């Protein structure tokens, strides 16, 4: 599947140090096969919205569009948010 990032996610990534950005990107690309990606939890099955924890610091929210073969990363936030 194609992985697409929302503009807000890109803006958040730009503000992070390079080492952390690389770590997050390595997790984001596992979403090319979202059903076998680690640390993924379904938030809403009917809407196909999921959450992935990245380490103990970050969380991403994403939606799967099966028909379009697309994973859209909606939000990137710290776990505290």
Protein backbone atom coordinates (compact mmCIF):
# COMPACT_ATOMS: atom_id res chain seq x y z
CA UNK A 1 0.00 0.00 0.00
CA UNK A 2 1.04 3.57 -0.55
CA UNK A 3 1.73 5.60 2.63
CA UNK A 4 0.62 9.23 2.50
CA UNK A 5 1.34 11.85 5.18
CA UNK A 6 -0.94 14.78 5.95
CA UNK A 7 0.63 18.24 5.85
CA UNK A 8 0.35 18.62 9.63
CA UNK A 9 2.34 15.41 10.12
CA UNK A 10 5.07 16.71 7.80
CA UNK A 11 5.17 20.01 9.71
CA UNK A 12 5.54 18.17 13.01
CA UNK A 13 8.33 15.99 11.59
CA UNK A 14 10.23 19.04 10.34
CA UNK A 15 10.42 20.39 13.90
CA UNK A 16 12.01 17.21 15.29
CA UNK A 17 15.74 16.42 15.44
CA UNK A 18 17.02 14.39 12.48
CA UNK A 19 17.71 11.24 14.51
CA UNK A 20 14.13 11.15 15.84
CA UNK A 21 12.74 11.89 12.35
CA UNK A 22 14.64 8.92 10.92
CA UNK A 23 13.34 6.69 13.72
CA UNK A 24 9.73 7.76 13.05
CA UNK A 25 10.11 7.33 9.27
CA UNK A 26 11.41 3.80 9.78
CA UNK A 27 8.14 3.01 11.56
CA UNK A 28 5.98 4.87 9.06
CA UNK A 29 7.26 2.75 6.18
CA UNK A 30 6.15 -0.41 7.96
CA UNK A 31 2.64 0.82 7.16
CA UNK A 32 3.12 -0.30 3.56
CA UNK A 33 1.69 -3.51 5.02
CA UNK A 34 -0.41 -2.05 7.85
CA UNK A 35 -1.93 -5.34 8.99
CA UNK A 36 1.46 -6.77 9.91
CA UNK A 37 3.01 -3.54 11.26
CA UNK A 38 4.06 -3.69 14.94
CA UNK A 39 2.23 -1.96 17.79
CA UNK A 40 -0.93 -1.21 15.79
CA UNK A 41 -4.29 -0.98 17.53
CA UNK A 42 -7.68 -0.55 15.88
CA UNK A 43 -9.52 2.52 17.15
CA UNK A 44 -12.59 2.24 14.93
CA UNK A 45 -13.04 -0.88 12.77
CA UNK A 46 -15.87 0.43 10.61
CA UNK A 47 -13.96 3.60 9.70
CA UNK A 48 -10.62 1.71 9.46
CA UNK A 49 -8.85 4.11 11.86
CA UNK A 50 -5.79 2.81 13.71
CA UNK A 51 -3.11 3.91 16.14
CA UNK A 52 0.56 2.96 16.15
CA UNK A 53 2.87 3.60 19.08
CA UNK A 54 6.40 4.54 18.11
CA UNK A 55 8.68 3.78 20.99
CA UNK A 56 7.43 5.19 24.27
CA UNK A 57 7.21 8.76 23.04
CA UNK A 58 5.17 9.11 19.83
CA UNK A 59 1.86 7.90 18.45
CA UNK A 60 0.49 8.11 14.93
CA UNK A 61 -3.15 7.93 13.91
CA UNK A 62 -3.83 6.58 10.44
CA UNK A 63 -6.67 5.47 8.22
CA UNK A 64 -6.66 2.58 5.74
CA UNK A 65 -8.40 2.90 2.39
CA UNK A 66 -8.50 -0.69 1.17
CA UNK A 67 -10.03 0.03 -2.24
CA UNK A 68 -7.43 2.70 -3.05
CA UNK A 69 -4.60 0.68 -1.45
CA UNK A 70 -3.68 3.73 0.60
CA UNK A 71 -2.64 4.38 4.19
CA UNK A 72 -3.19 8.01 5.18
CA UNK A 73 -1.27 9.17 8.27
CA UNK A 74 -3.59 11.70 9.88
CA UNK A 75 -1.69 12.78 12.98
CA UNK A 76 1.63 12.46 14.78
CA UNK A 77 1.71 13.33 18.46
CA UNK A 78 3.51 12.63 21.67
CA UNK A 79 1.93 9.96 23.83
CA UNK A 80 1.05 12.61 26.43
CA UNK A 81 -1.28 14.30 23.93
